[in-house]
Amino acid sequence: MPHAADLDVASVAKLARLNLTADEPALFQRQLGPVLESASTLREVAVSHVEAVAHPIRILNVFR
């Protein structure tokens, strides 16, 4: 998983066609670190014993 320092927020914003102010890239860069750390903790969850499902909630008669 990339580290916050490896990602250029201004380039990603440009690709997403977001208009950021001059201060926002630095702010988002600081906020990105904790977000990526939280996402990386999800990789540590043991899910080998969990049965795969197509949808988390049972859906009946989806065509009606």
N, C-alpha and C. Protein backbone atom coordinates (compact mmCIF):
# COMPACT_ATOMS: atom_id res chain seq x y z
N MET A 1 0.85 -1.17 0.00
CA MET A 1 0.00 0.00 0.00
C MET A 1 0.90 1.23 0.00
N PRO A 2 0.60 2.23 -0.84
CA PRO A 2 1.45 3.42 -0.89
C PRO A 2 1.39 4.22 0.40
N HIS A 3 2.48 4.88 0.68
CA HIS A 3 2.53 5.76 1.84
C HIS A 3 2.05 7.15 1.42
N ALA A 4 1.61 7.94 2.39
CA ALA A 4 1.09 9.27 2.10
C ALA A 4 2.14 10.13 1.42
N ALA A 5 3.41 9.94 1.79
CA ALA A 5 4.47 10.74 1.20
C ALA A 5 4.71 10.38 -0.26
N ASP A 6 4.30 9.18 -0.67
CA ASP A 6 4.50 8.73 -2.04
C ASP A 6 3.46 9.29 -3.00
N LEU A 7 2.34 9.75 -2.48
CA LEU A 7 1.26 10.23 -3.33
C LEU A 7 1.30 11.75 -3.46
N ASP A 8 1.14 12.21 -4.69
CA ASP A 8 1.10 13.64 -4.96
C ASP A 8 -0.37 14.05 -5.04
N VAL A 9 -0.86 14.70 -3.99
CA VAL A 9 -2.27 15.05 -3.90
C VAL A 9 -2.68 15.97 -5.05
N ALA A 10 -1.82 16.89 -5.43
CA ALA A 10 -2.15 17.82 -6.51
C ALA A 10 -2.35 17.07 -7.83
N SER A 11 -1.51 16.07 -8.10
CA SER A 11 -1.66 15.29 -9.33
C SER A 11 -2.93 14.46 -9.32
N VAL A 12 -3.24 13.86 -8.19
CA VAL A 12 -4.46 13.08 -8.07
C VAL A 12 -5.69 13.98 -8.22
N ALA A 13 -5.63 15.16 -7.64
CA ALA A 13 -6.74 16.11 -7.76
C ALA A 13 -6.92 16.53 -9.22
N LYS A 14 -5.83 16.71 -9.91
CA LYS A 14 -5.91 17.09 -11.32
C LYS A 14 -6.55 15.97 -12.14
N LEU A 15 -6.15 14.72 -11.88
CA LEU A 15 -6.75 13.59 -12.58
C LEU A 15 -8.24 13.47 -12.29
N ALA A 16 -8.63 13.82 -11.06
CA ALA A 16 -10.03 13.76 -10.67
C ALA A 16 -10.79 15.02 -11.05
N ARG A 17 -10.08 15.94 -11.69
CA ARG A 17 -10.67 17.22 -12.12
C ARG A 17 -11.25 18.01 -10.96
N LEU A 18 -10.49 18.03 -9.87
CA LEU A 18 -10.87 18.81 -8.69
C LEU A 18 -10.07 20.10 -8.67
N ASN A 19 -10.72 21.18 -8.42
CA ASN A 19 -10.05 22.47 -8.30
C ASN A 19 -9.75 22.72 -6.82
N LEU A 20 -8.48 22.60 -6.46
CA LEU A 20 -8.07 22.80 -5.07
C LEU A 20 -7.47 24.18 -4.91
N THR A 21 -7.66 24.75 -3.73
CA THR A 21 -7.02 26.02 -3.43
C THR A 21 -5.54 25.75 -3.16
N ALA A 22 -4.77 26.80 -2.98
CA ALA A 22 -3.33 26.65 -2.76
C ALA A 22 -3.02 25.92 -1.45
N ASP A 23 -3.88 26.05 -0.46
CA ASP A 23 -3.64 25.42 0.85
C ASP A 23 -4.13 23.98 0.93
N GLU A 24 -5.08 23.60 0.11
CA GLU A 24 -5.70 22.29 0.24
C GLU A 24 -4.77 21.10 -0.05
N PRO A 25 -3.88 21.14 -1.04
CA PRO A 25 -3.02 19.97 -1.23
C PRO A 25 -2.19 19.61 0.00
N ALA A 26 -1.65 20.60 0.68
CA ALA A 26 -0.85 20.32 1.89
C ALA A 26 -1.74 19.76 3.00
N LEU A 27 -2.93 20.30 3.13
CA LEU A 27 -3.88 19.83 4.15
C LEU A 27 -4.27 18.38 3.87
N PHE A 28 -4.61 18.08 2.63
CA PHE A 28 -5.02 16.73 2.28
C PHE A 28 -3.86 15.75 2.39
N GLN A 29 -2.66 16.21 2.10
CA GLN A 29 -1.48 15.34 2.23
C GLN A 29 -1.29 14.92 3.69
N ARG A 30 -1.49 15.86 4.62
CA ARG A 30 -1.37 15.53 6.05
C ARG A 30 -2.48 14.58 6.49
N GLN A 31 -3.68 14.75 5.95
CA GLN A 31 -4.81 13.92 6.34
C GLN A 31 -4.75 12.53 5.72
N LEU A 32 -4.02 12.39 4.64
CA LEU A 32 -3.97 11.14 3.92
C LEU A 32 -3.25 10.04 4.70
N GLY A 33 -2.25 10.39 5.47
CA GLY A 33 -1.49 9.41 6.25
C GLY A 33 -2.36 8.58 7.18
N PRO A 34 -3.14 9.21 8.04
CA PRO A 34 -4.01 8.43 8.94
C PRO A 34 -5.04 7.59 8.19
N VAL A 35 -5.52 8.08 7.06
CA VAL A 35 -6.49 7.31 6.28
C VAL A 35 -5.85 6.04 5.75
N LEU A 36 -4.64 6.17 5.20
CA LEU A 36 -3.95 4.99 4.68
C LEU A 36 -3.56 4.02 5.78
N GLU A 37 -3.23 4.53 6.96
CA GLU A 37 -2.92 3.66 8.10
C GLU A 37 -4.16 2.87 8.52
N SER A 38 -5.31 3.53 8.53
CA SER A 38 -6.55 2.83 8.87
C SER A 38 -6.87 1.76 7.85
N ALA A 39 -6.67 2.06 6.59
CA ALA A 39 -6.94 1.08 5.54
C ALA A 39 -5.97 -0.10 5.65
N SER A 40 -4.74 0.16 6.03
CA SER A 40 -3.77 -0.93 6.13
C SER A 40 -4.10 -1.88 7.29
N THR A 41 -4.75 -1.39 8.33
CA THR A 41 -5.14 -2.27 9.43
C THR A 41 -6.20 -3.27 8.98
N LEU A 42 -6.97 -2.93 7.96
CA LEU A 42 -7.97 -3.87 7.46
C LEU A 42 -7.32 -5.09 6.82
N ARG A 43 -6.10 -4.93 6.33
CA ARG A 43 -5.40 -6.06 5.72
C ARG A 43 -5.00 -7.09 6.78
N GLU A 44 -4.96 -6.69 8.04
CA GLU A 44 -4.55 -7.58 9.12
C GLU A 44 -5.69 -8.44 9.66
N VAL A 45 -6.92 -8.15 9.25
CA VAL A 45 -8.08 -8.88 9.75
C VAL A 45 -8.09 -10.27 9.12
N ALA A 46 -8.24 -11.27 9.96
CA ALA A 46 -8.28 -12.66 9.48
C ALA A 46 -9.67 -12.96 8.92
N VAL A 47 -9.73 -13.17 7.61
CA VAL A 47 -11.02 -13.44 6.97
C VAL A 47 -11.04 -14.79 6.26
N SER A 48 -10.04 -15.63 6.52
CA SER A 48 -9.97 -16.91 5.83
C SER A 48 -11.12 -17.83 6.22
N HIS A 49 -11.68 -17.65 7.39
CA HIS A 49 -12.78 -18.49 7.85
C HIS A 49 -14.16 -17.93 7.48
N VAL A 50 -14.20 -16.78 6.84
CA VAL A 50 -15.46 -16.14 6.48
C VAL A 50 -15.87 -16.61 5.09
N GLU A 51 -17.10 -17.06 4.97
CA GLU A 51 -17.60 -17.53 3.69
C GLU A 51 -17.88 -16.34 2.77
N ALA A 52 -17.48 -16.44 1.53
CA ALA A 52 -17.70 -15.37 0.57
C ALA A 52 -19.18 -15.30 0.20
N VAL A 53 -19.67 -14.08 0.08
CA VAL A 53 -21.07 -13.86 -0.30
C VAL A 53 -21.11 -12.89 -1.47
N ALA A 54 -22.16 -12.98 -2.25
CA ALA A 54 -22.32 -12.07 -3.38
C ALA A 54 -22.80 -10.71 -2.90
N HIS A 55 -23.59 -10.70 -1.83
CA HIS A 55 -24.13 -9.45 -1.31
C HIS A 55 -24.26 -9.61 0.20
N PRO A 56 -23.92 -8.59 0.97
CA PRO A 56 -23.96 -8.73 2.43
C PRO A 56 -25.37 -8.88 3.00
N ILE A 57 -26.37 -8.43 2.25
CA ILE A 57 -27.75 -8.52 2.71
C ILE A 57 -28.53 -9.34 1.70
N ARG A 58 -29.32 -10.29 2.18
CA ARG A 58 -30.09 -11.13 1.28
C ARG A 58 -31.13 -10.29 0.56
N ILE A 59 -31.17 -10.41 -0.76
CA ILE A 59 -32.12 -9.65 -1.57
C ILE A 59 -33.02 -10.63 -2.31
N LEU A 60 -34.34 -10.41 -2.22
CA LEU A 60 -35.31 -11.25 -2.91
C LEU A 60 -36.10 -10.40 -3.89
N ASN A 61 -36.46 -10.98 -4.99
CA ASN A 61 -37.28 -10.31 -6.00
C ASN A 61 -36.73 -8.95 -6.38
N VAL A 62 -35.50 -8.91 -6.82
CA VAL A 62 -34.88 -7.63 -7.16
C VAL A 62 -35.42 -7.05 -8.46
N PHE A 63 -36.14 -7.86 -9.26
CA PHE A 63 -36.67 -7.38 -10.52
C PHE A 63 -38.09 -6.82 -10.39
N ARG A 64 -38.65 -6.83 -9.23
CA ARG A 64 -40.01 -6.29 -9.05
C ARG A 64 -39.96 -4.91 -8.51
